[in-house]
Amino acid sequence: MAGKKIRLERLLANLGYGSRKLVHIAIKSGMVKIGGEVVLDPTQQFAPEDLKNAMFDGEPLDPISPL
């Protein structure tokens, strides 16, 4: 079953990468890649499983624990 899609800035903020405002700025600055592609739209929606190959500031994202 696919997870519910939520805004990228909210997903990253919930994972502890900063406040939504700081994460928003980081995304707009090109610090987030998903599947090798730079994402510049903080409001773009993703399901948590879409972030398996995501990077934040050059580092892989922490694993997302299931709810």
PDB file of N, CA and C in Angstrom:
ATOM      1  N   MET A   1       0.828  -1.170   0.000  1.00  0.00           N
ATOM      2  CA  MET A   1       0.000   0.000   0.000  1.00  0.00           C
ATOM      3  C   MET A   1       0.880   1.244   0.000  1.00  0.00           C
ATOM      4  N   ALA A   2       0.594   2.176  -0.874  1.00  0.00           N
ATOM      5  CA  ALA A   2       1.371   3.403  -0.970  1.00  0.00           C
ATOM      6  C   ALA A   2       0.990   4.351   0.163  1.00  0.00           C
ATOM      7  N   GLY A   3       2.014   5.092   0.627  1.00  0.00           N
ATOM      8  CA  GLY A   3       1.764   6.059   1.689  1.00  0.00           C
ATOM      9  C   GLY A   3       1.108   7.321   1.156  1.00  0.00           C
ATOM     10  N   LYS A   4       0.522   8.061   2.054  1.00  0.00           N
ATOM     11  CA  LYS A   4      -0.128   9.316   1.704  1.00  0.00           C
ATOM     12  C   LYS A   4       0.935  10.343   1.326  1.00  0.00           C
ATOM     13  N   LYS A   5       0.691  11.085   0.260  1.00  0.00           N
ATOM     14  CA  LYS A   5       1.640  12.102  -0.172  1.00  0.00           C
ATOM     15  C   LYS A   5       1.459  13.373   0.638  1.00  0.00           C
ATOM     16  N   ILE A   6       2.599  13.948   1.067  1.00  0.00           N
ATOM     17  CA  ILE A   6       2.580  15.225   1.767  1.00  0.00           C
ATOM     18  C   ILE A   6       3.684  16.117   1.201  1.00  0.00           C
ATOM     19  N   ARG A   7       3.598  17.409   1.499  1.00  0.00           N
ATOM     20  CA  ARG A   7       4.580  18.366   0.984  1.00  0.00           C
ATOM     21  C   ARG A   7       5.987  18.005   1.454  1.00  0.00           C
ATOM     22  N   LEU A   8       6.947  18.181   0.554  1.00  0.00           N
ATOM     23  CA  LEU A   8       8.332  17.849   0.860  1.00  0.00           C
ATOM     24  C   LEU A   8       8.837  18.616   2.070  1.00  0.00           C
ATOM     25  N   GLU A   9       8.510  19.909   2.168  1.00  0.00           N
ATOM     26  CA  GLU A   9       9.001  20.692   3.302  1.00  0.00           C
ATOM     27  C   GLU A   9       8.467  20.137   4.624  1.00  0.00           C
ATOM     28  N   ARG A  10       7.233  19.691   4.620  1.00  0.00           N
ATOM     29  CA  ARG A  10       6.654  19.127   5.837  1.00  0.00           C
ATOM     30  C   ARG A  10       7.297  17.785   6.178  1.00  0.00           C
ATOM     31  N   LEU A  11       7.506  16.950   5.159  1.00  0.00           N
ATOM     32  CA  LEU A  11       8.148  15.652   5.386  1.00  0.00           C
ATOM     33  C   LEU A  11       9.523  15.823   6.015  1.00  0.00           C
ATOM     34  N   LEU A  12      10.332  16.719   5.436  1.00  0.00           N
ATOM     35  CA  LEU A  12      11.689  16.920   5.949  1.00  0.00           C
ATOM     36  C   LEU A  12      11.680  17.552   7.332  1.00  0.00           C
ATOM     37  N   ALA A  13      10.771  18.467   7.578  1.00  0.00           N
ATOM     38  CA  ALA A  13      10.665  19.067   8.908  1.00  0.00           C
ATOM     39  C   ALA A  13      10.267  18.005   9.937  1.00  0.00           C
ATOM     40  N   ASN A  14       9.344  17.127   9.563  1.00  0.00           N
ATOM     41  CA  ASN A  14       8.921  16.057  10.473  1.00  0.00           C
ATOM     42  C   ASN A  14      10.057  15.077  10.757  1.00  0.00           C
ATOM     43  N   LEU A  15      10.988  14.941   9.820  1.00  0.00           N
ATOM     44  CA  LEU A  15      12.141  14.057  10.026  1.00  0.00           C
ATOM     45  C   LEU A  15      13.239  14.720  10.846  1.00  0.00           C
ATOM     46  N   GLY A  16      13.064  16.006  11.171  1.00  0.00           N
ATOM     47  CA  GLY A  16      14.031  16.683  12.031  1.00  0.00           C
ATOM     48  C   GLY A  16      15.128  17.442  11.313  1.00  0.00           C
ATOM     49  N   TYR A  17      14.930  17.755  10.049  1.00  0.00           N
ATOM     50  CA  TYR A  17      15.955  18.488   9.300  1.00  0.00           C
ATOM     51  C   TYR A  17      15.861  19.999   9.504  1.00  0.00           C
ATOM     52  N   GLY A  18      14.977  20.448  10.346  1.00  0.00           N
ATOM     53  CA  GLY A  18      14.820  21.861  10.643  1.00  0.00           C
ATOM     54  C   GLY A  18      13.353  22.236  10.656  1.00  0.00           C
ATOM     55  N   SER A  19      13.110  23.504  10.948  1.00  0.00           N
ATOM     56  CA  SER A  19      11.732  23.984  10.910  1.00  0.00           C
ATOM     57  C   SER A  19      11.261  23.983   9.459  1.00  0.00           C
ATOM     58  N   ARG A  20       9.962  24.097   9.256  1.00  0.00           N
ATOM     59  CA  ARG A  20       9.452  24.134   7.879  1.00  0.00           C
ATOM     60  C   ARG A  20      10.051  25.314   7.120  1.00  0.00           C
ATOM     61  N   LYS A  21      10.212  26.435   7.803  1.00  0.00           N
ATOM     62  CA  LYS A  21      10.780  27.616   7.152  1.00  0.00           C
ATOM     63  C   LYS A  21      12.231  27.359   6.722  1.00  0.00           C
ATOM     64  N   LEU A  22      13.041  26.781   7.598  1.00  0.00           N
ATOM     65  CA  LEU A  22      14.436  26.498   7.249  1.00  0.00           C
ATOM     66  C   LEU A  22      14.541  25.437   6.158  1.00  0.00           C
ATOM     67  N   VAL A  23      13.696  24.420   6.231  1.00  0.00           N
ATOM     68  CA  VAL A  23      13.688  23.377   5.208  1.00  0.00           C
ATOM     69  C   VAL A  23      13.243  23.968   3.867  1.00  0.00           C
ATOM     70  N   HIS A  24      12.257  24.870   3.903  1.00  0.00           N
ATOM     71  CA  HIS A  24      11.781  25.553   2.693  1.00  0.00           C
ATOM     72  C   HIS A  24      12.945  26.284   2.012  1.00  0.00           C
ATOM     73  N   ILE A  25      13.734  26.996   2.787  1.00  0.00           N
ATOM     74  CA  ILE A  25      14.881  27.735   2.254  1.00  0.00           C
ATOM     75  C   ILE A  25      15.920  26.768   1.680  1.00  0.00           C
ATOM     76  N   ALA A  26      16.168  25.662   2.390  1.00  0.00           N
ATOM     77  CA  ALA A  26      17.145  24.674   1.917  1.00  0.00           C
ATOM     78  C   ALA A  26      16.719  24.070   0.586  1.00  0.00           C
ATOM     79  N   ILE A  27      15.432  23.770   0.447  1.00  0.00           N
ATOM     80  CA  ILE A  27      14.931  23.197  -0.807  1.00  0.00           C
ATOM     81  C   ILE A  27      15.087  24.206  -1.934  1.00  0.00           C
ATOM     82  N   LYS A  28      14.678  25.460  -1.693  1.00  0.00           N
ATOM     83  CA  LYS A  28      14.786  26.506  -2.718  1.00  0.00           C
ATOM     84  C   LYS A  28      16.239  26.766  -3.108  1.00  0.00           C
ATOM     85  N   SER A  29      17.177  26.462  -2.204  1.00  0.00           N
ATOM     86  CA  SER A  29      18.600  26.658  -2.465  1.00  0.00           C
ATOM     87  C   SER A  29      19.232  25.487  -3.206  1.00  0.00           C
ATOM     88  N   GLY A  30      18.446  24.438  -3.495  1.00  0.00           N
ATOM     89  CA  GLY A  30      18.963  23.296  -4.244  1.00  0.00           C
ATOM     90  C   GLY A  30      19.680  22.268  -3.396  1.00  0.00           C
ATOM     91  N   MET A  31      19.402  22.233  -2.110  1.00  0.00           N
ATOM     92  CA  MET A  31      20.093  21.297  -1.218  1.00  0.00           C
ATOM     93  C   MET A  31      19.440  19.926  -1.135  1.00  0.00           C
ATOM     94  N   VAL A  32      18.325  19.733  -1.845  1.00  0.00           N
ATOM     95  CA  VAL A  32      17.607  18.455  -1.768  1.00  0.00           C
ATOM     96  C   VAL A  32      17.557  17.803  -3.147  1.00  0.00           C
ATOM     97  N   LYS A  33      17.959  16.529  -3.182  1.00  0.00           N
ATOM     98  CA  LYS A  33      17.870  15.734  -4.407  1.00  0.00           C
ATOM     99  C   LYS A  33      17.029  14.507  -4.117  1.00  0.00           C
ATOM    100  N   ILE A  34      16.174  14.161  -5.066  1.00  0.00           N
ATOM    101  CA  ILE A  34      15.382  12.938  -4.963  1.00  0.00           C
ATOM    102  C   ILE A  34      15.551  12.186  -6.268  1.00  0.00           C
ATOM    103  N   GLY A  35      16.068  10.967  -6.170  1.00  0.00           N
ATOM    104  CA  GLY A  35      16.341  10.176  -7.363  1.00  0.00           C
ATOM    105  C   GLY A  35      17.375  10.828  -8.264  1.00  0.00           C
ATOM    106  N   GLY A  36      18.321  11.568  -7.690  1.00  0.00           N
ATOM    107  CA  GLY A  36      19.374  12.220  -8.455  1.00  0.00           C
ATOM    108  C   GLY A  36      18.987  13.563  -9.054  1.00  0.00           C
ATOM    109  N   GLU A  37      17.739  13.961  -8.902  1.00  0.00           N
ATOM    110  CA  GLU A  37      17.247  15.230  -9.457  1.00  0.00           C
ATOM    111  C   GLU A  37      17.095  16.263  -8.341  1.00  0.00           C
ATOM    112  N   VAL A  38      17.589  17.465  -8.573  1.00  0.00           N
ATOM    113  CA  VAL A  38      17.417  18.544  -7.599  1.00  0.00           C
ATOM    114  C   VAL A  38      15.949  18.955  -7.579  1.00  0.00           C
ATOM    115  N   VAL A  39      15.396  19.067  -6.383  1.00  0.00           N
ATOM    116  CA  VAL A  39      14.010  19.499  -6.204  1.00  0.00           C
ATOM    117  C   VAL A  39      14.045  20.928  -5.673  1.00  0.00           C
ATOM    118  N   LEU A  40      13.387  21.842  -6.372  1.00  0.00           N
ATOM    119  CA  LEU A  40      13.381  23.253  -5.975  1.00  0.00           C
ATOM    120  C   LEU A  40      12.017  23.729  -5.493  1.00  0.00           C
ATOM    121  N   ASP A  41      11.014  22.865  -5.547  1.00  0.00           N
ATOM    122  CA  ASP A  41       9.655  23.240  -5.142  1.00  0.00           C
ATOM    123  C   ASP A  41       9.327  22.603  -3.794  1.00  0.00           C
ATOM    124  N   PRO A  42       9.337  23.386  -2.710  1.00  0.00           N
ATOM    125  CA  PRO A  42       9.067  22.828  -1.388  1.00  0.00           C
ATOM    126  C   PRO A  42       7.649  22.304  -1.225  1.00  0.00           C
ATOM    127  N   THR A  43       6.731  22.734  -2.087  1.00  0.00           N
ATOM    128  CA  THR A  43       5.352  22.284  -1.958  1.00  0.00           C
ATOM    129  C   THR A  43       5.059  21.034  -2.783  1.00  0.00           C
ATOM    130  N   GLN A  44       6.053  20.557  -3.521  1.00  0.00           N
ATOM    131  CA  GLN A  44       5.866  19.324  -4.293  1.00  0.00           C
ATOM    132  C   GLN A  44       5.577  18.195  -3.310  1.00  0.00           C
ATOM    133  N   GLN A  45       4.656  17.325  -3.677  1.00  0.00           N
ATOM    134  CA  GLN A  45       4.237  16.276  -2.755  1.00  0.00           C
ATOM    135  C   GLN A  45       4.887  14.937  -3.086  1.00  0.00           C
ATOM    136  N   PHE A  46       5.256  14.236  -2.021  1.00  0.00           N
ATOM    137  CA  PHE A  46       5.884  12.924  -2.127  1.00  0.00           C
ATOM    138  C   PHE A  46       5.304  12.018  -1.060  1.00  0.00           C
ATOM    139  N   ALA A  47       5.308  10.730  -1.340  1.00  0.00           N
ATOM    140  CA  ALA A  47       4.995   9.735  -0.319  1.00  0.00           C
ATOM    141  C   ALA A  47       6.317   9.392   0.371  1.00  0.00           C
ATOM    142  N   PRO A  48       6.283   9.015   1.634  1.00  0.00           N
ATOM    143  CA  PRO A  48       7.534   8.693   2.335  1.00  0.00           C
ATOM    144  C   PRO A  48       8.411   7.680   1.596  1.00  0.00           C
ATOM    145  N   GLU A  49       7.786   6.700   0.931  1.00  0.00           N
ATOM    146  CA  GLU A  49       8.594   5.700   0.216  1.00  0.00           C
ATOM    147  C   GLU A  49       9.299   6.286  -1.014  1.00  0.00           C
ATOM    148  N   ASP A  50       8.867   7.456  -1.481  1.00  0.00           N
ATOM    149  CA  ASP A  50       9.534   8.123  -2.600  1.00  0.00           C
ATOM    150  C   ASP A  50      10.900   8.667  -2.206  1.00  0.00           C
ATOM    151  N   LEU A  51      11.172   8.758  -0.911  1.00  0.00           N
ATOM    152  CA  LEU A  51      12.409   9.380  -0.436  1.00  0.00           C
ATOM    153  C   LEU A  51      13.528   8.377  -0.178  1.00  0.00           C
ATOM    154  N   LYS A  52      13.404   7.166  -0.704  1.00  0.00           N
ATOM    155  CA  LYS A  52      14.433   6.149  -0.482  1.00  0.00           C
ATOM    156  C   LYS A  52      15.792   6.579  -1.023  1.00  0.00           C
ATOM    157  N   ASN A  53      15.818   7.269  -2.150  1.00  0.00           N
ATOM    158  CA  ASN A  53      17.076   7.715  -2.763  1.00  0.00           C
ATOM    159  C   ASN A  53      17.222   9.230  -2.665  1.00  0.00           C
ATOM    160  N   ALA A  54      16.772   9.803  -1.553  1.00  0.00           N
ATOM    161  CA  ALA A  54      16.822  11.254  -1.381  1.00  0.00           C
ATOM    162  C   ALA A  54      18.080  11.657  -0.615  1.00  0.00           C
ATOM    163  N   MET A  55      18.541  12.870  -0.915  1.00  0.00           N
ATOM    164  CA  MET A  55      19.714  13.411  -0.240  1.00  0.00           C
ATOM    165  C   MET A  55      19.408  14.828   0.226  1.00  0.00           C
ATOM    166  N   PHE A  56      19.938  15.171   1.393  1.00  0.00           N
ATOM    167  CA  PHE A  56      19.797  16.513   1.946  1.00  0.00           C
ATOM    168  C   PHE A  56      21.200  17.031   2.225  1.00  0.00           C
ATOM    169  N   ASP A  57      21.574  18.082   1.546  1.00  0.00           N
ATOM    170  CA  ASP A  57      22.911  18.675   1.699  1.00  0.00           C
ATOM    171  C   ASP A  57      24.014  17.643   1.452  1.00  0.00           C
ATOM    172  N   GLY A  58      23.798  16.788   0.436  1.00  0.00           N
ATOM    173  CA  GLY A  58      24.809  15.814   0.042  1.00  0.00           C
ATOM    174  C   GLY A  58      24.832  14.530   0.847  1.00  0.00           C
ATOM    175  N   GLU A  59      23.982  14.413   1.848  1.00  0.00           N
ATOM    176  CA  GLU A  59      23.937  13.223   2.689  1.00  0.00           C
ATOM    177  C   GLU A  59      22.602  12.502   2.506  1.00  0.00           C
ATOM    178  N   PRO A  60      22.614  11.163   2.519  1.00  0.00           N
ATOM    179  CA  PRO A  60      21.341  10.430   2.418  1.00  0.00           C
ATOM    180  C   PRO A  60      20.429  10.769   3.601  1.00  0.00           C
ATOM    181  N   LEU A  61      19.129  10.790   3.344  1.00  0.00           N
ATOM    182  CA  LEU A  61      18.177  11.037   4.428  1.00  0.00           C
ATOM    183  C   LEU A  61      18.205   9.893   5.432  1.00  0.00           C
ATOM    184  N   ASP A  62      17.883  10.225   6.662  1.00  0.00           N
ATOM    185  CA  ASP A  62      17.733   9.188   7.686  1.00  0.00           C
ATOM    186  C   ASP A  62      16.579   8.278   7.285  1.00  0.00           C
ATOM    187  N   PRO A  63      16.644   6.999   7.605  1.00  0.00           N
ATOM    188  CA  PRO A  63      15.534   6.097   7.258  1.00  0.00           C
ATOM    189  C   PRO A  63      14.231   6.565   7.897  1.00  0.00           C
ATOM    190  N   ILE A  64      13.144   6.400   7.157  1.00  0.00           N
ATOM    191  CA  ILE A  64      11.830   6.772   7.663  1.00  0.00           C
ATOM    192  C   ILE A  64      11.213   5.565   8.311  1.00  0.00           C
ATOM    193  N   SER A  65      10.881   5.685   9.592  1.00  0.00           N
ATOM    194  CA  SER A  65      10.296   4.541  10.287  1.00  0.00           C
ATOM    195  C   SER A  65       8.797   4.463   9.971  1.00  0.00           C
ATOM    196  N   PRO A  66       8.286   3.247   9.833  1.00  0.00           N
ATOM    197  CA  PRO A  66       6.860   3.091   9.551  1.00  0.00           C
ATOM    198  C   PRO A  66       6.023   3.537  10.744  1.00  0.00           C
ATOM    199  N   LEU A  67       4.812   3.990  10.453  1.00  0.00           N
ATOM    200  CA  LEU A  67       3.920   4.439  11.533  1.00  0.00           C
ATOM    201  C   LEU A  67       3.242   3.275  12.167  1.00  0.00           C
TER     202      LEU A  67
END
